N, C-alpha and C. Protein backbone atom coordinates (compact mmCIF):
# COMPACT_ATOMS: atom_id res chain seq x y z
N MET A 1 88.42 -129.71 14.11
CA MET A 1 89.38 -130.23 13.01
C MET A 1 89.34 -130.03 12.00
N GLY A 2 90.16 -129.64 10.80
CA GLY A 2 90.04 -128.90 9.47
C GLY A 2 90.17 -130.05 8.81
N HIS A 3 89.90 -130.37 7.40
CA HIS A 3 89.69 -131.43 6.70
C HIS A 3 91.06 -131.62 6.28
N THR A 4 91.70 -132.34 5.94
CA THR A 4 92.68 -132.63 5.10
C THR A 4 92.83 -132.24 3.96
N PRO A 5 94.18 -131.79 3.39
CA PRO A 5 93.67 -130.89 1.77
C PRO A 5 94.20 -132.12 0.63
N ALA A 6 93.73 -132.04 -0.06
CA ALA A 6 93.63 -133.13 -1.05
C ALA A 6 94.93 -133.03 -1.65
N ALA A 7 95.21 -134.40 -2.10
CA ALA A 7 96.56 -134.08 -2.58
C ALA A 7 96.71 -133.78 -3.86
N ARG A 8 97.75 -132.84 -4.69
CA ARG A 8 97.64 -131.97 -5.90
C ARG A 8 98.85 -132.63 -6.62
N ASP A 9 98.85 -132.75 -7.99
CA ASP A 9 99.45 -133.00 -8.85
C ASP A 9 100.91 -131.81 -8.49
N PRO A 10 102.02 -132.28 -8.48
CA PRO A 10 103.10 -131.41 -8.42
C PRO A 10 103.31 -130.67 -9.97
N ASP A 11 103.00 -130.89 -10.69
CA ASP A 11 103.28 -130.13 -12.18
C ASP A 11 101.94 -129.14 -12.50
N ARG A 12 100.92 -129.36 -12.45
CA ARG A 12 99.78 -128.68 -12.37
C ARG A 12 99.11 -127.96 -11.64
N GLY A 13 99.53 -128.63 -10.00
CA GLY A 13 98.86 -127.98 -8.92
C GLY A 13 97.47 -128.11 -8.82
N GLU A 14 96.55 -129.47 -9.52
CA GLU A 14 95.07 -129.66 -9.22
C GLU A 14 95.20 -130.79 -8.42
N THR A 15 94.09 -131.07 -7.90
CA THR A 15 93.54 -131.95 -7.17
C THR A 15 93.38 -133.22 -8.16
N LEU A 16 92.89 -134.34 -7.26
CA LEU A 16 92.45 -135.49 -8.11
C LEU A 16 91.07 -135.17 -9.01
N LEU A 17 90.14 -134.46 -8.46
CA LEU A 17 88.57 -134.42 -8.84
C LEU A 17 88.97 -133.05 -9.89
N GLN A 18 89.67 -131.99 -9.91
CA GLN A 18 90.05 -131.33 -10.99
C GLN A 18 90.70 -132.13 -12.15
N LYS A 19 91.64 -132.86 -11.61
CA LYS A 19 92.19 -133.55 -13.12
C LYS A 19 91.41 -134.50 -13.72
N LEU A 20 90.37 -135.40 -12.96
CA LEU A 20 89.35 -135.92 -13.67
C LEU A 20 88.33 -134.97 -14.61
N ASP A 21 88.04 -133.63 -13.89
CA ASP A 21 86.87 -132.92 -14.89
C ASP A 21 87.84 -132.31 -16.17
N ARG A 22 88.99 -132.00 -15.64
CA ARG A 22 89.68 -131.73 -17.29
C ARG A 22 89.91 -132.57 -18.07
N ASN A 23 90.46 -133.87 -17.59
CA ASN A 23 90.53 -135.00 -18.44
C ASN A 23 89.07 -135.10 -19.07
N TRP A 24 87.93 -135.20 -18.76
CA TRP A 24 86.40 -135.39 -19.07
C TRP A 24 86.17 -134.41 -20.24
N THR A 25 86.75 -133.03 -19.97
CA THR A 25 86.69 -131.81 -21.00
C THR A 25 87.20 -132.13 -22.28
N ASP A 26 88.59 -132.72 -21.68
CA ASP A 26 89.40 -132.72 -23.14
C ASP A 26 88.98 -134.34 -23.96
N LEU A 27 88.11 -135.09 -23.06
CA LEU A 27 87.13 -136.04 -24.14
C LEU A 27 86.25 -135.50 -24.89
N LEU A 28 85.54 -134.96 -24.08
CA LEU A 28 84.24 -134.04 -24.95
C LEU A 28 84.66 -133.56 -26.31
N GLN A 29 85.56 -132.73 -25.90
CA GLN A 29 86.45 -132.01 -26.96
C GLN A 29 86.61 -133.00 -28.60
N GLU A 30 87.44 -134.29 -27.99
CA GLU A 30 87.90 -135.05 -28.97
C GLU A 30 86.40 -135.96 -29.50
N LEU A 31 85.92 -135.93 -28.82
CA LEU A 31 84.30 -136.46 -29.37
C LEU A 31 83.68 -135.72 -30.28
N ARG A 32 83.46 -134.41 -29.84
CA ARG A 32 82.91 -133.21 -30.86
C ARG A 32 83.89 -133.43 -32.36
N VAL A 33 85.17 -133.74 -32.06
CA VAL A 33 85.70 -133.44 -33.69
C VAL A 33 85.43 -134.48 -34.15
N LEU A 34 85.38 -135.96 -33.67
CA LEU A 34 85.03 -137.21 -34.37
C LEU A 34 83.71 -137.56 -34.90
N GLN A 35 82.60 -136.64 -33.62
CA GLN A 35 81.37 -136.59 -34.49
C GLN A 35 81.04 -135.87 -35.43
N THR A 36 81.86 -134.96 -35.66
CA THR A 36 82.06 -134.11 -36.84
C THR A 36 82.23 -134.82 -37.92
N GLY A 37 83.29 -135.49 -37.79
CA GLY A 37 83.85 -135.89 -39.17
C GLY A 37 82.89 -137.39 -39.33
N ILE A 38 82.56 -138.15 -38.70
CA ILE A 38 81.56 -139.29 -38.71
C ILE A 38 80.23 -138.94 -39.44
N GLN A 39 79.85 -137.58 -39.04
CA GLN A 39 78.62 -137.11 -39.72
C GLN A 39 78.81 -136.93 -41.09
N ILE A 40 79.92 -136.62 -41.45
CA ILE A 40 79.93 -136.15 -43.11
C ILE A 40 80.20 -137.59 -43.74
N LEU A 41 81.32 -138.04 -43.03
CA LEU A 41 81.04 -139.35 -43.61
C LEU A 41 80.01 -140.62 -43.99
N THR A 42 78.93 -140.36 -42.89
CA THR A 42 77.57 -141.14 -42.76
C THR A 42 76.67 -140.38 -43.78
N GLY A 43 77.01 -139.18 -43.75
CA GLY A 43 76.11 -138.35 -44.94
C GLY A 43 76.11 -138.83 -46.25
N PHE A 44 77.64 -138.86 -46.72
CA PHE A 44 78.11 -139.13 -48.01
C PHE A 44 77.69 -140.34 -48.39
N LEU A 45 77.82 -141.64 -47.23
CA LEU A 45 77.34 -143.12 -47.68
C LEU A 45 76.03 -143.18 -47.57
N LEU A 46 75.30 -142.49 -46.98
CA LEU A 46 73.86 -142.25 -47.13
C LEU A 46 73.26 -141.99 -48.46
N THR A 47 74.07 -140.70 -49.16
CA THR A 47 73.65 -140.39 -50.59
C THR A 47 73.90 -141.17 -51.93
N LEU A 48 75.26 -142.50 -51.18
CA LEU A 48 75.35 -143.26 -52.55
C LEU A 48 74.43 -143.74 -53.18
N PRO A 49 73.13 -144.71 -52.49
CA PRO A 49 72.06 -145.39 -53.02
C PRO A 49 71.35 -144.40 -54.01
N PHE A 50 71.23 -142.99 -54.14
CA PHE A 50 70.35 -142.39 -54.96
C PHE A 50 70.99 -141.56 -56.49
N GLN A 51 72.31 -142.26 -56.20
CA GLN A 51 72.97 -142.17 -57.46
C GLN A 51 72.56 -142.74 -58.68
N GLN A 52 73.25 -142.43 -59.71
CA GLN A 52 72.46 -143.46 -60.98
C GLN A 52 73.59 -144.51 -61.10
N ARG A 53 74.78 -144.33 -60.88
CA ARG A 53 75.89 -145.62 -60.85
C ARG A 53 75.67 -146.54 -59.91
N PHE A 54 74.77 -146.12 -59.04
CA PHE A 54 74.68 -147.18 -57.87
C PHE A 54 74.26 -148.71 -58.38
N ALA A 55 73.15 -148.62 -59.09
CA ALA A 55 72.83 -149.86 -59.81
C ALA A 55 73.60 -150.57 -60.52
N GLU A 56 74.50 -150.20 -61.03
CA GLU A 56 75.95 -150.32 -61.48
C GLU A 56 76.87 -151.38 -60.65
N LEU A 57 76.70 -150.99 -59.57
CA LEU A 57 78.09 -151.53 -58.61
C LEU A 57 77.67 -153.33 -58.28
N THR A 58 79.09 -154.02 -58.34
CA THR A 58 78.98 -155.50 -58.31
C THR A 58 78.46 -155.92 -56.88
N ARG A 59 78.49 -157.03 -57.00
CA ARG A 59 77.76 -157.33 -55.21
C ARG A 59 79.08 -157.22 -54.12
N VAL A 60 80.26 -157.56 -54.72
CA VAL A 60 81.53 -156.89 -53.81
C VAL A 60 81.34 -155.74 -53.48
N GLN A 61 81.25 -154.69 -54.23
CA GLN A 61 81.40 -153.39 -54.21
C GLN A 61 79.80 -152.91 -52.84
N VAL A 62 78.70 -153.66 -53.53
CA VAL A 62 77.78 -153.22 -52.46
C VAL A 62 78.01 -154.22 -51.20
N ALA A 63 78.64 -154.94 -51.07
CA ALA A 63 78.75 -155.77 -49.92
C ALA A 63 79.82 -154.88 -49.04
N ILE A 64 80.59 -154.31 -49.59
CA ILE A 64 81.76 -153.07 -48.78
C ILE A 64 81.13 -151.91 -48.33
N TYR A 65 80.21 -151.46 -49.36
CA TYR A 65 79.39 -150.39 -48.94
C TYR A 65 78.06 -150.53 -48.20
N LEU A 66 77.66 -151.83 -47.96
CA LEU A 66 76.80 -152.41 -46.26
C LEU A 66 77.81 -152.31 -45.27
N CYS A 67 78.58 -152.68 -45.29
CA CYS A 67 79.65 -152.94 -44.17
C CYS A 67 80.47 -151.43 -43.57
N LEU A 68 80.57 -150.33 -44.62
CA LEU A 68 81.04 -148.70 -44.44
C LEU A 68 79.80 -148.59 -43.64
N VAL A 69 78.54 -148.58 -44.43
CA VAL A 69 77.12 -148.16 -43.61
C VAL A 69 76.93 -148.74 -42.17
N VAL A 70 77.07 -150.14 -41.68
CA VAL A 70 76.87 -150.42 -40.72
C VAL A 70 78.11 -149.79 -39.64
N LEU A 71 79.27 -150.06 -39.84
CA LEU A 71 80.81 -149.03 -39.33
C LEU A 71 79.98 -147.80 -39.00
N SER A 72 79.55 -146.88 -39.90
CA SER A 72 79.14 -145.75 -39.34
C SER A 72 78.31 -145.65 -38.32
N VAL A 73 77.17 -146.17 -38.56
CA VAL A 73 76.05 -146.55 -37.99
C VAL A 73 76.51 -146.60 -36.09
N LEU A 74 77.39 -147.62 -36.25
CA LEU A 74 78.21 -148.35 -35.07
C LEU A 74 78.73 -147.20 -34.51
N VAL A 75 79.61 -146.68 -35.15
CA VAL A 75 80.14 -145.38 -34.36
C VAL A 75 79.47 -144.53 -33.82
N THR A 76 78.41 -143.99 -34.53
CA THR A 76 77.73 -143.07 -33.89
C THR A 76 76.95 -143.69 -32.58
N ALA A 77 77.02 -144.84 -32.54
CA ALA A 77 76.16 -145.51 -31.19
C ALA A 77 77.26 -145.67 -30.12
N VAL A 78 78.33 -145.58 -30.54
CA VAL A 78 79.16 -145.87 -29.45
C VAL A 78 79.56 -144.51 -29.19
N LEU A 79 79.45 -143.12 -29.72
CA LEU A 79 79.61 -142.31 -29.33
C LEU A 79 78.81 -141.37 -28.53
N ILE A 80 77.61 -142.13 -29.11
CA ILE A 80 76.17 -142.14 -27.98
C ILE A 80 76.17 -142.57 -26.86
N SER A 81 76.81 -143.52 -26.78
CA SER A 81 77.24 -144.41 -25.53
C SER A 81 77.89 -143.78 -24.57
N THR A 82 78.72 -142.86 -24.64
CA THR A 82 79.46 -141.88 -23.87
C THR A 82 78.28 -141.23 -23.15
N VAL A 83 77.71 -140.54 -23.74
CA VAL A 83 76.55 -139.49 -23.41
C VAL A 83 75.46 -140.59 -22.19
N VAL A 84 75.36 -141.46 -22.25
CA VAL A 84 74.56 -142.47 -21.72
C VAL A 84 75.50 -143.08 -20.34
N MET A 85 76.70 -143.02 -20.51
CA MET A 85 77.84 -143.40 -19.57
C MET A 85 77.20 -142.38 -18.47
N HIS A 86 77.38 -141.06 -19.05
CA HIS A 86 77.66 -139.69 -18.51
C HIS A 86 76.37 -139.85 -17.20
N ARG A 87 75.12 -139.86 -17.86
CA ARG A 87 74.01 -140.02 -17.39
C ARG A 87 73.66 -141.03 -16.58
N THR A 88 74.27 -142.19 -16.54
CA THR A 88 74.33 -143.97 -15.68
C THR A 88 74.99 -143.26 -14.38
N PHE A 89 76.22 -142.78 -14.39
CA PHE A 89 77.37 -142.19 -13.81
C PHE A 89 77.69 -140.96 -13.18
N PHE A 90 76.38 -140.15 -13.25
CA PHE A 90 76.15 -139.05 -12.74
C PHE A 90 75.76 -138.75 -11.10
N ARG A 91 76.56 -138.04 -10.53
CA ARG A 91 76.51 -137.81 -9.28
C ARG A 91 76.46 -139.11 -8.56
N GLN A 92 77.55 -140.17 -8.69
CA GLN A 92 77.28 -141.36 -7.99
C GLN A 92 79.11 -141.44 -7.70
N GLY A 93 79.90 -140.37 -7.63
CA GLY A 93 81.22 -140.36 -7.14
C GLY A 93 82.48 -141.03 -7.77
N ILE A 94 81.89 -141.56 -9.13
CA ILE A 94 82.79 -142.57 -9.75
C ILE A 94 83.20 -141.94 -11.00
N LYS A 95 83.30 -140.73 -11.10
CA LYS A 95 84.18 -139.92 -11.99
C LYS A 95 85.39 -140.77 -12.72
N ARG A 96 86.13 -140.92 -11.75
CA ARG A 96 87.55 -141.92 -12.40
C ARG A 96 87.00 -142.84 -13.50
N ASP A 97 85.92 -143.74 -12.93
CA ASP A 97 85.42 -144.80 -13.83
C ASP A 97 85.09 -144.35 -15.29
N LEU A 98 84.10 -143.32 -15.10
CA LEU A 98 83.66 -142.67 -16.24
C LEU A 98 84.67 -142.19 -17.28
N VAL A 99 85.81 -141.60 -16.85
CA VAL A 99 86.76 -141.36 -17.41
C VAL A 99 87.67 -142.24 -18.10
N ARG A 100 87.98 -143.17 -17.71
CA ARG A 100 88.75 -144.32 -18.11
C ARG A 100 87.94 -145.16 -18.92
N SER A 101 86.40 -145.39 -18.89
CA SER A 101 85.42 -146.03 -19.50
C SER A 101 85.23 -145.66 -20.71
N SER A 102 85.25 -143.83 -20.97
CA SER A 102 85.14 -143.12 -22.08
C SER A 102 85.98 -142.77 -22.90
N ASP A 103 87.54 -143.64 -21.97
CA ASP A 103 88.62 -143.32 -22.97
C ASP A 103 88.89 -144.65 -23.82
N VAL A 104 88.27 -145.71 -23.05
CA VAL A 104 88.29 -146.68 -23.70
C VAL A 104 87.50 -147.14 -25.16
N LEU A 105 85.97 -146.29 -24.90
CA LEU A 105 85.05 -146.09 -25.98
C LEU A 105 85.80 -145.27 -27.20
N LEU A 106 86.68 -144.10 -26.95
CA LEU A 106 86.80 -143.31 -27.61
C LEU A 106 88.13 -143.99 -28.91
N ARG A 107 88.79 -144.89 -27.79
CA ARG A 107 89.83 -145.70 -29.13
C ARG A 107 89.23 -146.58 -29.75
N ALA A 108 88.18 -147.23 -29.18
CA ALA A 108 87.62 -147.98 -29.93
C ALA A 108 86.98 -147.71 -31.35
N THR A 109 86.33 -145.84 -30.98
CA THR A 109 85.93 -145.34 -31.90
C THR A 109 86.71 -145.05 -33.06
N LEU A 110 88.11 -144.41 -32.75
CA LEU A 110 89.19 -144.19 -33.66
C LEU A 110 89.36 -145.41 -34.46
N VAL A 111 89.27 -146.77 -34.05
CA VAL A 111 89.64 -147.77 -34.76
C VAL A 111 88.55 -147.89 -35.94
N LEU A 112 87.23 -147.41 -35.38
CA LEU A 112 86.23 -147.85 -36.35
C LEU A 112 86.52 -146.80 -37.39
N VAL A 113 86.24 -145.44 -36.87
CA VAL A 113 86.88 -144.39 -37.87
C VAL A 113 87.98 -144.65 -39.22
N GLY A 114 88.96 -145.44 -38.43
CA GLY A 114 90.04 -145.34 -39.72
C GLY A 114 89.61 -146.77 -40.50
N LEU A 115 88.68 -147.72 -40.19
CA LEU A 115 88.19 -148.91 -40.91
C LEU A 115 87.47 -147.80 -42.19
N ILE A 116 86.32 -147.20 -41.54
CA ILE A 116 85.53 -146.15 -42.83
C ILE A 116 86.47 -145.63 -43.69
N LEU A 117 87.14 -144.74 -43.15
CA LEU A 117 88.03 -143.93 -43.92
C LEU A 117 88.72 -145.08 -44.89
N ILE A 118 89.34 -146.24 -44.52
CA ILE A 118 90.24 -147.12 -45.49
C ILE A 118 89.38 -147.41 -46.29
N GLY A 119 87.69 -148.01 -46.08
CA GLY A 119 86.92 -148.65 -46.86
C GLY A 119 86.51 -147.84 -47.69
N THR A 120 85.81 -146.33 -47.18
CA THR A 120 85.41 -145.57 -48.35
C THR A 120 86.22 -145.12 -49.32
N ILE A 121 87.82 -144.83 -49.31
CA ILE A 121 88.57 -144.53 -50.09
C ILE A 121 88.78 -145.62 -51.08
N GLY A 122 88.86 -146.89 -50.31
CA GLY A 122 88.92 -147.84 -51.45
C GLY A 122 87.75 -148.06 -52.14
N LEU A 123 86.73 -147.57 -51.91
CA LEU A 123 85.68 -147.85 -52.53
C LEU A 123 85.59 -146.97 -53.74
N ILE A 124 85.57 -145.59 -53.59
CA ILE A 124 85.56 -144.79 -54.54
C ILE A 124 86.79 -145.25 -55.30
N PHE A 125 87.92 -145.22 -55.05
CA PHE A 125 88.59 -145.42 -56.55
C PHE A 125 88.33 -146.73 -57.02
N ASP A 126 87.70 -147.74 -56.45
CA ASP A 126 87.27 -149.01 -57.10
C ASP A 126 86.20 -148.68 -57.94
N ILE A 127 85.13 -147.96 -57.84
CA ILE A 127 83.80 -147.44 -58.79
C ILE A 127 84.37 -146.55 -59.88
N VAL A 128 85.23 -145.61 -59.48
CA VAL A 128 85.35 -144.94 -60.25
C VAL A 128 86.64 -145.42 -61.61
N LEU A 129 87.86 -146.17 -60.78
CA LEU A 129 88.73 -146.38 -61.71
C LEU A 129 88.73 -148.10 -61.64
N SER A 130 89.20 -148.76 -60.85
CA SER A 130 88.95 -150.44 -61.11
C SER A 130 89.01 -151.10 -59.49
N GLY A 131 89.36 -152.57 -59.81
CA GLY A 131 89.23 -153.12 -58.44
C GLY A 131 90.75 -153.04 -58.10
N MET A 132 91.77 -152.88 -58.89
CA MET A 132 93.24 -152.39 -58.40
C MET A 132 93.65 -151.27 -57.70
N ALA A 133 92.62 -150.37 -58.61
CA ALA A 133 93.19 -148.85 -57.91
C ALA A 133 92.26 -148.57 -56.81
N GLY A 134 91.28 -149.59 -56.20
CA GLY A 134 90.76 -149.24 -54.84
C GLY A 134 91.50 -149.99 -53.93
N ALA A 135 92.11 -151.08 -54.18
CA ALA A 135 93.25 -151.90 -53.27
C ALA A 135 94.08 -151.35 -53.24
N VAL A 136 95.00 -150.49 -53.96
CA VAL A 136 96.13 -149.60 -53.90
C VAL A 136 95.72 -148.32 -52.84
N ALA A 137 94.42 -147.88 -53.38
CA ALA A 137 94.08 -146.57 -52.37
C ALA A 137 93.88 -146.89 -50.90
N ALA A 138 93.43 -148.58 -50.69
CA ALA A 138 92.98 -148.34 -49.46
C ALA A 138 94.31 -148.80 -48.53
N LEU A 139 95.07 -149.70 -49.23
CA LEU A 139 96.58 -149.77 -48.46
C LEU A 139 97.07 -148.79 -48.22
N ALA A 140 97.20 -147.58 -49.23
CA ALA A 140 97.87 -146.21 -48.90
C ALA A 140 97.24 -145.86 -48.14
N MET A 141 95.77 -145.82 -48.08
CA MET A 141 95.43 -144.75 -46.96
C MET A 141 95.71 -145.67 -45.28
N GLY A 142 95.15 -146.61 -45.14
CA GLY A 142 95.90 -147.39 -44.10
C GLY A 142 97.41 -147.37 -43.45
N ALA A 143 98.01 -147.24 -44.51
CA ALA A 143 99.51 -146.77 -44.18
C ALA A 143 99.54 -145.43 -43.73
N ALA A 144 98.68 -144.65 -44.40
CA ALA A 144 98.85 -143.00 -43.60
C ALA A 144 97.86 -142.96 -42.17
N VAL A 145 97.10 -143.71 -42.24
CA VAL A 145 96.08 -143.76 -40.93
C VAL A 145 97.39 -144.38 -39.64
N GLY A 146 97.80 -145.33 -40.09
CA GLY A 146 98.78 -146.12 -39.25
C GLY A 146 99.58 -145.41 -38.87
N LEU A 147 100.40 -144.27 -39.66
CA LEU A 147 101.29 -143.55 -39.33
C LEU A 147 101.00 -142.13 -38.70
N LEU A 148 99.95 -141.69 -38.83
CA LEU A 148 99.37 -140.32 -38.11
C LEU A 148 98.63 -140.66 -37.26
N TRP A 149 98.29 -141.78 -36.94
CA TRP A 149 97.23 -142.18 -35.59
C TRP A 149 97.95 -142.96 -34.55
N LEU A 150 99.19 -143.78 -35.30
CA LEU A 150 100.20 -144.44 -34.15
C LEU A 150 101.49 -144.22 -34.22
N LEU A 151 101.88 -144.58 -35.46
CA LEU A 151 103.51 -144.58 -35.32
C LEU A 151 103.96 -142.87 -34.76
N LEU A 152 103.39 -142.35 -35.26
CA LEU A 152 104.12 -140.27 -35.19
C LEU A 152 103.27 -139.91 -33.63
N PRO A 153 102.06 -140.24 -33.30
CA PRO A 153 101.93 -139.97 -31.75
C PRO A 153 102.59 -140.48 -30.85
N LEU A 154 103.06 -142.05 -30.96
CA LEU A 154 104.00 -142.81 -29.86
C LEU A 154 104.97 -142.19 -30.03
N ARG A 155 105.92 -141.80 -30.99
CA ARG A 155 107.26 -141.47 -31.24
C ARG A 155 107.09 -140.02 -30.69
N LEU A 156 106.16 -139.24 -31.10
CA LEU A 156 106.08 -137.79 -30.26
C LEU A 156 106.00 -137.92 -28.56
N ARG A 157 105.62 -138.98 -28.58
CA ARG A 157 105.13 -139.25 -27.02
C ARG A 157 106.75 -139.56 -26.17
N ARG A 158 107.34 -140.33 -26.79
CA ARG A 158 108.39 -140.77 -26.23
C ARG A 158 109.43 -139.79 -26.37
N ARG A 159 109.63 -139.12 -27.07
CA ARG A 159 110.48 -137.84 -27.20
C ARG A 159 109.90 -137.05 -26.53
N ALA A 160 108.69 -136.59 -26.05
CA ALA A 160 108.30 -135.60 -24.88
C ALA A 160 108.76 -136.04 -23.41
N LEU A 161 108.28 -137.48 -23.17
CA LEU A 161 108.72 -138.18 -21.77
C LEU A 161 110.11 -138.16 -21.82
N ARG A 162 111.08 -138.09 -22.67
CA ARG A 162 112.30 -138.31 -22.59
C ARG A 162 112.95 -136.71 -22.16
N ASN A 163 112.43 -136.11 -22.86
CA ASN A 163 112.78 -134.33 -22.38
C ASN A 163 112.52 -133.75 -21.04
N ARG A 164 111.30 -134.52 -20.64
CA ARG A 164 110.94 -134.34 -19.61
C ARG A 164 111.27 -134.84 -18.15
N ASN A 165 111.67 -135.90 -18.58
CA ASN A 165 112.41 -136.77 -17.46
C ASN A 165 113.96 -136.23 -17.44
N ARG A 166 114.47 -135.43 -18.91
CA ARG A 166 115.82 -135.13 -18.66
C ARG A 166 115.44 -133.66 -17.63
N ASN A 167 114.70 -132.76 -17.86
CA ASN A 167 114.54 -131.70 -17.38
C ASN A 167 114.27 -131.70 -15.85
N HIS A 168 113.51 -132.92 -15.29
CA HIS A 168 112.98 -133.21 -13.90
C HIS A 168 114.53 -133.80 -13.21
N SER A 169 115.28 -134.60 -14.13
CA SER A 169 116.89 -134.88 -13.17
C SER A 169 117.59 -133.69 -13.40
N ARG A 170 117.59 -132.77 -14.06
CA ARG A 170 118.58 -131.58 -13.94
C ARG A 170 118.25 -130.62 -13.01
N GLN A 171 116.91 -130.51 -12.83
CA GLN A 171 116.49 -129.89 -11.65
C GLN A 171 116.63 -130.33 -10.53
N SER A 172 116.27 -131.66 -10.44
CA SER A 172 116.51 -132.41 -9.09
C SER A 172 118.12 -132.32 -8.89
N ALA A 173 118.91 -132.21 -9.68
CA ALA A 173 120.38 -132.12 -9.50
C ALA A 173 120.95 -130.58 -9.07
N ILE A 174 119.56 -129.93 -9.28
CA ILE A 174 120.10 -128.18 -9.15
C ILE A 174 119.83 -128.11 -7.38
N ARG A 175 118.41 -128.84 -7.20
CA ARG A 175 118.23 -129.09 -6.17
C ARG A 175 118.91 -129.18 -5.01
N ARG A 176 119.42 -130.35 -5.08
CA ARG A 176 120.84 -131.01 -4.57
C ARG A 176 122.08 -130.40 -3.96
N GLN A 177 122.51 -129.00 -5.07
CA GLN A 177 123.51 -128.59 -4.93
C GLN A 177 123.71 -127.78 -3.72
N PRO A 178 124.56 -127.84 -2.70
CA PRO A 178 124.84 -126.94 -1.75
C PRO A 178 124.78 -125.44 -1.91
N LYS A 179 123.91 -124.56 -0.84
CA LYS A 179 123.89 -123.31 -1.63
C LYS A 179 125.21 -122.57 -0.90
N GLY A 180 126.01 -121.51 -1.96
CA GLY A 180 127.26 -120.98 -1.47
C GLY A 180 126.89 -119.85 -0.15
N GLY A 181 128.15 -119.96 0.15
CA GLY A 181 128.19 -118.92 1.26
C GLY A 181 128.05 -119.47 2.54
N HIS A 182 127.49 -120.23 2.99
CA HIS A 182 127.22 -121.06 3.98
C HIS A 182 128.44 -121.75 4.50
N PRO A 183 129.01 -121.62 5.85
CA PRO A 183 130.07 -122.51 6.03
C PRO A 183 129.38 -124.00 6.56
N GLN A 184 130.01 -125.06 6.11
CA GLN A 184 129.60 -126.33 6.55
C GLN A 184 129.17 -126.63 7.95
N ARG A 185 128.63 -127.54 8.28
CA ARG A 185 128.20 -128.04 9.72
C ARG A 185 129.40 -128.18 10.28
N GLY A 186 129.81 -127.76 11.33
CA GLY A 186 131.11 -128.20 12.07
C GLY A 186 132.10 -127.62 12.06
N ALA A 187 132.30 -126.52 11.06
CA ALA A 187 133.33 -125.86 10.87
C ALA A 187 133.30 -124.88 11.76
N ARG A 188 134.55 -124.00 12.35
CA ARG A 188 134.36 -123.05 13.09
C ARG A 188 135.33 -121.96 12.55
N PRO A 189 134.82 -120.65 12.79
CA PRO A 189 135.31 -119.64 12.05
C PRO A 189 136.66 -119.27 12.53
N SER A 190 137.69 -118.62 11.59
CA SER A 190 139.07 -118.25 12.06
C SER A 190 138.98 -117.16 12.85
N ASP A 191 140.17 -116.96 13.96
CA ASP A 191 140.23 -116.09 14.69
C ASP A 191 141.27 -115.23 14.14
N GLY A 192 141.90 -115.81 13.05
CA GLY A 192 142.83 -114.62 12.61
C GLY A 192 144.14 -114.73 13.14
N GLY A 193 144.28 -115.21 14.40
CA GLY A 193 145.55 -114.95 15.18
C GLY A 193 146.19 -115.92 15.98
N GLY A 194 145.27 -117.19 16.08
CA GLY A 194 145.88 -118.03 16.75
C GLY A 194 146.01 -118.12 17.95
N GLY A 195 145.46 -117.04 18.97
CA GLY A 195 145.77 -116.42 20.22
C GLY A 195 144.65 -116.43 20.95
N ASN A 196 144.65 -116.29 22.39
CA ASN A 196 143.25 -116.13 23.15
C ASN A 196 142.48 -115.10 23.23
N GLY A 197 143.06 -114.26 22.57
CA GLY A 197 142.37 -112.68 22.22
C GLY A 197 142.35 -111.92 23.50
N ARG A 198 143.49 -112.56 24.49
CA ARG A 198 143.60 -111.33 25.76
C ARG A 198 144.68 -110.46 25.46
N SER A 199 144.46 -109.11 25.81
CA SER A 199 145.64 -108.04 25.71
C SER A 199 146.43 -108.29 27.16
C-alpha cells in the first residue's frame, strides 16, 4: 500500500511542511533586517555616555536614556530567543509551534523597536533643542510608526484580500458555466424529416 499524499495548498501547490519551511525562512529574513537596525540603534545609544555633553543631561533625560538602553538590550534578548527556541524544538516534529511562537516574538520585537525609535528621536531633539521639541518629535515619530507599521499594512492587506476574493469568485463563476457545443442531457438530435426514415 502506498502512502497517502500530503494535502497541498491550492494556490501554491505546497504541502504543510513545505509551507512551514517557507514561513520559517521568511521569519528569519525579517529577523535579520530587525537585527541590523537594532544593532545600529544600540551602538548609537552605547556611545552617548562617552560624549562631552552627556554630563549636562538632566535626570529625566538620563532616565529616558537608560530606558532606551534597557529596551535595546531586551530586543536583542528577544531576537536571540528565536534561535534558542529553534534549538529546543529541533527534530521534535513541532515546527508549526516554532513558527507560531517566533511570529509572536517577532511582533513583540516590532513593538519594542517602535518604542526605541520614538524614544531615541525624542531624546535627541530634547538634548539638541528643547523638551518641547523632543515631545513634538516623539509624537510625530509615533504617528509615523503607527501609520507605516499598522494602518498602511492593514489597509493594503484588506485591499489585497478583497481583490483575491473577487478573482476567486470570478474564476468560480467561469468554471460553473456550461461548455458550449454539447447538447443538453436528455435532448434528442433532430432527424430533419419527421418520418421513420424508411424508403
